[in-house]
């Protein structure tokens, strides 16, 4: 169970620090600070648990790795269960911490949940949200698979992947809050209310499609330098 425990801890860390930066420190650090929080959390976990599980901490990444032939589907399923559990635990802990402030409420202040449409950040439409999540996850998965391929300096992989996540957040926070990770979306949505749960399908489907497309390109040899 070492790999699954590592994936639980990694996803817990990503959601607690990333979403926590938005919920607790957002007004002080702004979009750039939130972007850095997600990326730095991923970089830290890449070096902390990467040697154990590969630091997927993202169901879309695990399924993209299956599509690329890097791991088996049964192993990916156990990863995904651990990732979702870690995200839910982190969202619950974050909610408990945030409620320690007298004027906080989940309904008013949110829990870092993803979304789109009227009343959500930049108020982008559903098609824009879907397209962003699809393309951003595809590009994210390309970096992950390329940076962790054979013959690539492994010591720089975590840095490259984490900085890519920072860049994706800098562009996309106003569009969807940035998911590119179904577990990251599921945890906060579970506690954030009906609207977040109703929009959750997009943050499951689009990232998975994007990651699997990247994985298939690597498996076909189009993007794999070793093929």
C-alpha atoms as a PDB file:
ATOM      1  CA  UNK A   1       0.000   0.000   0.000  1.00  0.00           C
ATOM      2  CA  UNK A   2       3.014   2.342  -0.054  1.00  0.00           C
ATOM      3  CA  UNK A   3       2.106   3.815  -3.418  1.00  0.00           C
ATOM      4  CA  UNK A   4      -1.508   4.375  -2.455  1.00  0.00           C
ATOM      5  CA  UNK A   5      -0.579   6.019   0.853  1.00  0.00           C
ATOM      6  CA  UNK A   6       1.834   8.273  -1.034  1.00  0.00           C
ATOM      7  CA  UNK A   7      -0.889   9.254  -3.517  1.00  0.00           C
ATOM      8  CA  UNK A   8      -3.288  10.012  -0.652  1.00  0.00           C
ATOM      9  CA  UNK A   9      -0.737  12.261   1.055  1.00  0.00           C
ATOM     10  CA  UNK A  10       0.266  13.966  -2.183  1.00  0.00           C
ATOM     11  CA  UNK A  11      -3.287  14.769  -3.254  1.00  0.00           C
ATOM     12  CA  UNK A  12      -4.154  15.865   0.283  1.00  0.00           C
ATOM     13  CA  UNK A  13      -1.238  18.292   0.199  1.00  0.00           C
ATOM     14  CA  UNK A  14      -2.112  19.687  -3.232  1.00  0.00           C
ATOM     15  CA  UNK A  15      -5.731  20.380  -2.303  1.00  0.00           C
ATOM     16  CA  UNK A  16      -5.034  21.699   1.187  1.00  0.00           C
ATOM     17  CA  UNK A  17      -2.287  24.093   0.090  1.00  0.00           C
ATOM     18  CA  UNK A  18      -3.687  25.026  -3.314  1.00  0.00           C
ATOM     19  CA  UNK A  19      -7.329  25.492  -2.378  1.00  0.00           C
ATOM     20  CA  UNK A  20      -6.297  26.748   1.050  1.00  0.00           C
ATOM     21  CA  UNK A  21      -4.300  29.550  -0.549  1.00  0.00           C
ATOM     22  CA  UNK A  22      -7.467  30.697  -2.346  1.00  0.00           C
ATOM     23  CA  UNK A  23      -9.820  30.340   0.632  1.00  0.00           C
ATOM     24  CA  UNK A  24      -7.593  31.665   3.411  1.00  0.00           C
ATOM     25  CA  UNK A  25      -5.013  33.900   1.731  1.00  0.00           C
ATOM     26  CA  UNK A  26      -6.578  34.764  -1.631  1.00  0.00           C
ATOM     27  CA  UNK A  27      -7.221  38.488  -0.982  1.00  0.00           C
ATOM     28  CA  UNK A  28      -3.636  38.923   0.212  1.00  0.00           C
ATOM     29  CA  UNK A  29      -1.673  36.911  -2.352  1.00  0.00           C
ATOM     30  CA  UNK A  30      -3.871  37.299  -5.441  1.00  0.00           C
ATOM     31  CA  UNK A  31      -4.027  35.038  -8.489  1.00  0.00           C
ATOM     32  CA  UNK A  32      -0.253  34.865  -8.821  1.00  0.00           C
ATOM     33  CA  UNK A  33       0.132  33.692  -5.250  1.00  0.00           C
ATOM     34  CA  UNK A  34      -2.577  31.058  -5.654  1.00  0.00           C
ATOM     35  CA  UNK A  35      -0.926  29.836  -8.862  1.00  0.00           C
ATOM     36  CA  UNK A  36       2.395  29.524  -7.070  1.00  0.00           C
ATOM     37  CA  UNK A  37       0.777  27.677  -4.162  1.00  0.00           C
ATOM     38  CA  UNK A  38      -0.566  24.937  -6.456  1.00  0.00           C
ATOM     39  CA  UNK A  39       2.707  24.651  -8.353  1.00  0.00           C
ATOM     40  CA  UNK A  40       4.929  24.667  -5.287  1.00  0.00           C
ATOM     41  CA  UNK A  41       2.759  22.055  -3.581  1.00  0.00           C
ATOM     42  CA  UNK A  42       3.194  19.819  -6.616  1.00  0.00           C
ATOM     43  CA  UNK A  43       6.945  20.412  -6.763  1.00  0.00           C
ATOM     44  CA  UNK A  44       7.299  19.529  -3.083  1.00  0.00           C
ATOM     45  CA  UNK A  45       5.306  16.336  -3.458  1.00  0.00           C
ATOM     46  CA  UNK A  46       7.133  15.372  -6.657  1.00  0.00           C
ATOM     47  CA  UNK A  47      10.347  15.162  -4.662  1.00  0.00           C
ATOM     48  CA  UNK A  48       8.658  13.903  -1.491  1.00  0.00           C
ATOM     49  CA  UNK A  49       6.608  10.999  -2.875  1.00  0.00           C
ATOM     50  CA  UNK A  50       7.771  10.794  -6.497  1.00  0.00           C
ATOM     51  CA  UNK A  51      10.263   8.012  -5.760  1.00  0.00           C
ATOM     52  CA  UNK A  52       7.445   5.991  -4.143  1.00  0.00           C
ATOM     53  CA  UNK A  53       4.460   6.366  -6.476  1.00  0.00           C
ATOM     54  CA  UNK A  54       5.534   8.668  -9.297  1.00  0.00           C
ATOM     55  CA  UNK A  55       3.470  11.479  -7.731  1.00  0.00           C
ATOM     56  CA  UNK A  56       0.447  11.324 -10.021  1.00  0.00           C
ATOM     57  CA  UNK A  57      -1.874  12.875  -7.376  1.00  0.00           C
ATOM     58  CA  UNK A  58      -4.422  13.290 -10.174  1.00  0.00           C
ATOM     59  CA  UNK A  59      -6.836  10.704 -11.659  1.00  0.00           C
ATOM     60  CA  UNK A  60      -6.435  12.211 -15.135  1.00  0.00           C
ATOM     61  CA  UNK A  61      -2.665  11.780 -14.919  1.00  0.00           C
ATOM     62  CA  UNK A  62      -3.050   8.163 -13.799  1.00  0.00           C
ATOM     63  CA  UNK A  63      -5.382   7.411 -16.721  1.00  0.00           C
ATOM     64  CA  UNK A  64      -3.053   9.266 -19.088  1.00  0.00           C
ATOM     65  CA  UNK A  65      -0.219   7.066 -17.831  1.00  0.00           C
ATOM     66  CA  UNK A  66      -2.355   3.995 -18.581  1.00  0.00           C
ATOM     67  CA  UNK A  67      -2.963   5.286 -22.113  1.00  0.00           C
ATOM     68  CA  UNK A  68       0.787   5.826 -22.529  1.00  0.00           C
ATOM     69  CA  UNK A  69       1.542   2.294 -21.330  1.00  0.00           C
ATOM     70  CA  UNK A  70       3.361   3.506 -18.212  1.00  0.00           C
ATOM     71  CA  UNK A  71       1.142   1.748 -15.632  1.00  0.00           C
ATOM     72  CA  UNK A  72      -1.653  -0.850 -15.669  1.00  0.00           C
ATOM     73  CA  UNK A  73      -5.350  -0.044 -15.296  1.00  0.00           C
ATOM     74  CA  UNK A  74      -5.734  -2.027 -12.039  1.00  0.00           C
ATOM     75  CA  UNK A  75      -2.917  -0.031 -10.462  1.00  0.00           C
ATOM     76  CA  UNK A  76      -4.413   3.209 -11.771  1.00  0.00           C
ATOM     77  CA  UNK A  77      -7.737   2.362 -10.110  1.00  0.00           C
ATOM     78  CA  UNK A  78      -6.047   1.992  -6.721  1.00  0.00           C
ATOM     79  CA  UNK A  79      -4.238   5.304  -7.320  1.00  0.00           C
ATOM     80  CA  UNK A  80      -7.511   7.055  -8.162  1.00  0.00           C
ATOM     81  CA  UNK A  81      -9.242   5.774  -5.033  1.00  0.00           C
ATOM     82  CA  UNK A  82      -6.367   7.076  -2.901  1.00  0.00           C
ATOM     83  CA  UNK A  83      -6.303  10.405  -4.754  1.00  0.00           C
ATOM     84  CA  UNK A  84     -10.020  11.042  -4.337  1.00  0.00           C
ATOM     85  CA  UNK A  85      -9.856  10.080  -0.672  1.00  0.00           C
ATOM     86  CA  UNK A  86      -6.935  12.463  -0.139  1.00  0.00           C
ATOM     87  CA  UNK A  87      -8.769  15.311  -1.862  1.00  0.00           C
ATOM     88  CA  UNK A  88     -11.931  14.781   0.192  1.00  0.00           C
ATOM     89  CA  UNK A  89      -9.957  14.642   3.439  1.00  0.00           C
ATOM     90  CA  UNK A  90      -8.086  17.833   2.552  1.00  0.00           C
ATOM     91  CA  UNK A  91     -11.270  19.689   1.604  1.00  0.00           C
ATOM     92  CA  UNK A  92     -12.877  18.680   4.897  1.00  0.00           C
ATOM     93  CA  UNK A  93      -9.847  19.786   6.931  1.00  0.00           C
ATOM     94  CA  UNK A  94      -9.698  23.057   4.995  1.00  0.00           C
ATOM     95  CA  UNK A  95     -13.375  23.688   5.694  1.00  0.00           C
ATOM     96  CA  UNK A  96     -12.872  23.030   9.408  1.00  0.00           C
ATOM     97  CA  UNK A  97      -9.926  25.442   9.517  1.00  0.00           C
ATOM     98  CA  UNK A  98     -11.744  28.150   7.535  1.00  0.00           C
ATOM     99  CA  UNK A  99     -14.785  27.892   9.801  1.00  0.00           C
ATOM    100  CA  UNK A 100     -12.536  28.964  12.650  1.00  0.00           C
ATOM    101  CA  UNK A 101     -12.999  32.514  11.362  1.00  0.00           C
ATOM    102  CA  UNK A 102     -16.284  34.025  12.529  1.00  0.00           C
ATOM    103  CA  UNK A 103     -17.324  35.580   9.209  1.00  0.00           C
ATOM    104  CA  UNK A 104     -16.552  32.552   7.020  1.00  0.00           C
ATOM    105  CA  UNK A 105     -19.232  30.407   5.419  1.00  0.00           C
ATOM    106  CA  UNK A 106     -18.880  27.848   2.656  1.00  0.00           C
ATOM    107  CA  UNK A 107     -21.916  29.276   0.869  1.00  0.00           C
ATOM    108  CA  UNK A 108     -20.458  32.808   0.724  1.00  0.00           C
ATOM    109  CA  UNK A 109     -16.715  32.271   0.605  1.00  0.00           C
ATOM    110  CA  UNK A 110     -16.506  28.906  -1.126  1.00  0.00           C
ATOM    111  CA  UNK A 111     -13.931  26.168  -0.704  1.00  0.00           C
ATOM    112  CA  UNK A 112     -11.776  26.724  -3.765  1.00  0.00           C
ATOM    113  CA  UNK A 113     -14.220  24.781  -5.915  1.00  0.00           C
ATOM    114  CA  UNK A 114     -14.064  24.909  -9.699  1.00  0.00           C
ATOM    115  CA  UNK A 115     -16.859  26.327 -11.802  1.00  0.00           C
ATOM    116  CA  UNK A 116     -17.968  28.495 -14.691  1.00  0.00           C
ATOM    117  CA  UNK A 117     -20.794  30.810 -15.705  1.00  0.00           C
ATOM    118  CA  UNK A 118     -22.614  33.691 -14.065  1.00  0.00           C
ATOM    119  CA  UNK A 119     -21.301  34.543 -10.623  1.00  0.00           C
ATOM    120  CA  UNK A 120     -18.086  32.542 -10.948  1.00  0.00           C
ATOM    121  CA  UNK A 121     -14.868  34.577 -11.265  1.00  0.00           C
ATOM    122  CA  UNK A 122     -14.532  35.699 -14.914  1.00  0.00           C
ATOM    123  CA  UNK A 123     -17.984  34.320 -15.801  1.00  0.00           C
ATOM    124  CA  UNK A 124     -16.740  32.336 -18.800  1.00  0.00           C
ATOM    125  CA  UNK A 125     -19.220  30.020 -20.509  1.00  0.00           C
ATOM    126  CA  UNK A 126     -19.343  26.228 -20.428  1.00  0.00           C
ATOM    127  CA  UNK A 127     -17.720  25.727 -23.832  1.00  0.00           C
ATOM    128  CA  UNK A 128     -14.780  27.973 -22.922  1.00  0.00           C
ATOM    129  CA  UNK A 129     -14.419  26.151 -19.601  1.00  0.00           C
ATOM    130  CA  UNK A 130     -14.477  22.717 -21.249  1.00  0.00           C
ATOM    131  CA  UNK A 131     -12.014  23.747 -23.951  1.00  0.00           C
ATOM    132  CA  UNK A 132      -9.597  25.246 -21.440  1.00  0.00           C
ATOM    133  CA  UNK A 133      -9.649  22.195 -19.170  1.00  0.00           C
ATOM    134  CA  UNK A 134      -9.238  19.821 -22.123  1.00  0.00           C
ATOM    135  CA  UNK A 135      -6.312  21.653 -23.699  1.00  0.00           C
ATOM    136  CA  UNK A 136      -4.607  22.590 -20.423  1.00  0.00           C
ATOM    137  CA  UNK A 137      -4.685  18.994 -19.193  1.00  0.00           C
ATOM    138  CA  UNK A 138      -3.397  17.741 -22.534  1.00  0.00           C
ATOM    139  CA  UNK A 139      -0.425  20.111 -22.360  1.00  0.00           C
ATOM    140  CA  UNK A 140       0.136  19.297 -18.690  1.00  0.00           C
ATOM    141  CA  UNK A 141       0.216  15.579 -19.486  1.00  0.00           C
ATOM    142  CA  UNK A 142       2.633  16.136 -22.365  1.00  0.00           C
ATOM    143  CA  UNK A 143       5.044  17.800 -19.948  1.00  0.00           C
ATOM    144  CA  UNK A 144       4.579  15.046 -17.348  1.00  0.00           C
ATOM    145  CA  UNK A 145       5.210  12.207 -19.797  1.00  0.00           C
ATOM    146  CA  UNK A 146       8.063  14.007 -21.512  1.00  0.00           C
ATOM    147  CA  UNK A 147       9.785  15.039 -18.274  1.00  0.00           C
ATOM    148  CA  UNK A 148       9.576  11.526 -16.817  1.00  0.00           C
ATOM    149  CA  UNK A 149      10.599   9.617 -19.923  1.00  0.00           C
ATOM    150  CA  UNK A 150      13.673   7.447 -20.270  1.00  0.00           C
ATOM    151  CA  UNK A 151      16.869   9.389 -20.743  1.00  0.00           C
ATOM    152  CA  UNK A 152      15.492  12.618 -19.283  1.00  0.00           C
ATOM    153  CA  UNK A 153      17.275  14.033 -16.185  1.00  0.00           C
ATOM    154  CA  UNK A 154      14.925  12.854 -13.448  1.00  0.00           C
ATOM    155  CA  UNK A 155      16.031  15.486 -10.945  1.00  0.00           C
ATOM    156  CA  UNK A 156      14.409  18.252 -13.014  1.00  0.00           C
ATOM    157  CA  UNK A 157      11.066  16.536 -13.681  1.00  0.00           C
ATOM    158  CA  UNK A 158       9.308  17.790 -10.565  1.00  0.00           C
ATOM    159  CA  UNK A 159      10.407  21.354 -11.219  1.00  0.00           C
ATOM    160  CA  UNK A 160       9.273  21.297 -14.859  1.00  0.00           C
ATOM    161  CA  UNK A 161       5.891  19.783 -13.993  1.00  0.00           C
ATOM    162  CA  UNK A 162       5.246  22.108 -11.069  1.00  0.00           C
ATOM    163  CA  UNK A 163       6.155  25.236 -13.031  1.00  0.00           C
ATOM    164  CA  UNK A 164       3.852  24.115 -15.829  1.00  0.00           C
ATOM    165  CA  UNK A 165       1.027  23.901 -13.303  1.00  0.00           C
ATOM    166  CA  UNK A 166       1.854  27.448 -12.176  1.00  0.00           C
ATOM    167  CA  UNK A 167       1.623  28.655 -15.770  1.00  0.00           C
ATOM    168  CA  UNK A 168      -1.696  26.895 -16.322  1.00  0.00           C
ATOM    169  CA  UNK A 169      -3.121  28.549 -13.213  1.00  0.00           C
ATOM    170  CA  UNK A 170      -1.878  31.991 -14.225  1.00  0.00           C
ATOM    171  CA  UNK A 171      -3.859  31.680 -17.452  1.00  0.00           C
ATOM    172  CA  UNK A 172      -6.880  29.784 -16.249  1.00  0.00           C
ATOM    173  CA  UNK A 173      -7.938  30.759 -12.737  1.00  0.00           C
ATOM    174  CA  UNK A 174     -10.436  33.320 -14.030  1.00  0.00           C
ATOM    175  CA  UNK A 175     -11.871  30.769 -16.463  1.00  0.00           C
ATOM    176  CA  UNK A 176     -12.555  27.744 -14.237  1.00  0.00           C
ATOM    177  CA  UNK A 177     -10.449  28.174 -11.111  1.00  0.00           C
ATOM    178  CA  UNK A 178      -8.272  25.529 -12.843  1.00  0.00           C
ATOM    179  CA  UNK A 179      -8.894  21.870 -12.264  1.00  0.00           C
ATOM    180  CA  UNK A 180      -6.851  19.743 -14.705  1.00  0.00           C
ATOM    181  CA  UNK A 181      -7.416  17.219 -11.888  1.00  0.00           C
ATOM    182  CA  UNK A 182     -10.760  15.496 -11.159  1.00  0.00           C
ATOM    183  CA  UNK A 183      -9.791  14.721  -7.549  1.00  0.00           C
ATOM    184  CA  UNK A 184      -8.878  18.357  -6.876  1.00  0.00           C
ATOM    185  CA  UNK A 185     -12.360  19.310  -8.149  1.00  0.00           C
ATOM    186  CA  UNK A 186     -14.266  16.528  -6.402  1.00  0.00           C
ATOM    187  CA  UNK A 187     -13.013  17.222  -2.869  1.00  0.00           C
ATOM    188  CA  UNK A 188     -14.123  20.867  -2.562  1.00  0.00           C
ATOM    189  CA  UNK A 189     -17.310  20.317  -4.628  1.00  0.00           C
ATOM    190  CA  UNK A 190     -18.477  17.671  -2.170  1.00  0.00           C
ATOM    191  CA  UNK A 191     -18.811  20.343   0.518  1.00  0.00           C
ATOM    192  CA  UNK A 192     -19.408  23.471  -1.568  1.00  0.00           C
ATOM    193  CA  UNK A 193     -23.028  22.915  -2.551  1.00  0.00           C
ATOM    194  CA  UNK A 194     -25.379  22.004  -5.360  1.00  0.00           C
ATOM    195  CA  UNK A 195     -23.921  24.262  -8.065  1.00  0.00           C
ATOM    196  CA  UNK A 196     -20.386  22.931  -7.633  1.00  0.00           C
ATOM    197  CA  UNK A 197     -21.636  19.341  -7.704  1.00  0.00           C
ATOM    198  CA  UNK A 198     -23.773  20.061 -10.759  1.00  0.00           C
ATOM    199  CA  UNK A 199     -20.772  21.372 -12.681  1.00  0.00           C
ATOM    200  CA  UNK A 200     -18.408  18.637 -11.498  1.00  0.00           C
ATOM    201  CA  UNK A 201     -18.919  16.496 -14.600  1.00  0.00           C
ATOM    202  CA  UNK A 202     -16.906  18.950 -16.723  1.00  0.00           C
ATOM    203  CA  UNK A 203     -13.934  18.786 -14.363  1.00  0.00           C
ATOM    204  CA  UNK A 204     -13.967  15.003 -14.545  1.00  0.00           C
ATOM    205  CA  UNK A 205     -14.554  14.536 -18.265  1.00  0.00           C
ATOM    206  CA  UNK A 206     -12.411  17.270 -19.843  1.00  0.00           C
ATOM    207  CA  UNK A 207      -9.196  16.548 -17.881  1.00  0.00           C
ATOM    208  CA  UNK A 208      -9.489  12.806 -18.480  1.00  0.00           C
ATOM    209  CA  UNK A 209      -9.995  13.280 -22.223  1.00  0.00           C
ATOM    210  CA  UNK A 210      -7.044  15.663 -22.417  1.00  0.00           C
ATOM    211  CA  UNK A 211      -4.700  13.432 -20.427  1.00  0.00           C
ATOM    212  CA  UNK A 212      -5.670  10.255 -22.296  1.00  0.00           C
ATOM    213  CA  UNK A 213      -5.143  12.000 -25.651  1.00  0.00           C
ATOM    214  CA  UNK A 214      -1.621  12.953 -24.598  1.00  0.00           C
ATOM    215  CA  UNK A 215      -0.965   9.433 -23.349  1.00  0.00           C
ATOM    216  CA  UNK A 216      -2.077   7.919 -26.635  1.00  0.00           C
ATOM    217  CA  UNK A 217       0.221  10.232 -28.581  1.00  0.00           C
ATOM    218  CA  UNK A 218       3.172   9.070 -26.502  1.00  0.00           C
ATOM    219  CA  UNK A 219       2.158   5.434 -26.843  1.00  0.00           C
ATOM    220  CA  UNK A 220       1.888   5.791 -30.623  1.00  0.00           C
ATOM    221  CA  UNK A 221       5.433   7.131 -30.733  1.00  0.00           C
ATOM    222  CA  UNK A 222       4.460  10.552 -32.076  1.00  0.00           C
ATOM    223  CA  UNK A 223       5.812  12.312 -28.989  1.00  0.00           C
ATOM    224  CA  UNK A 224       7.982   9.589 -27.481  1.00  0.00           C
ATOM    225  CA  UNK A 225      11.695  10.149 -28.176  1.00  0.00           C
ATOM    226  CA  UNK A 226      12.410   6.483 -27.431  1.00  0.00           C
ATOM    227  CA  UNK A 227       9.863   5.121 -29.908  1.00  0.00           C
END
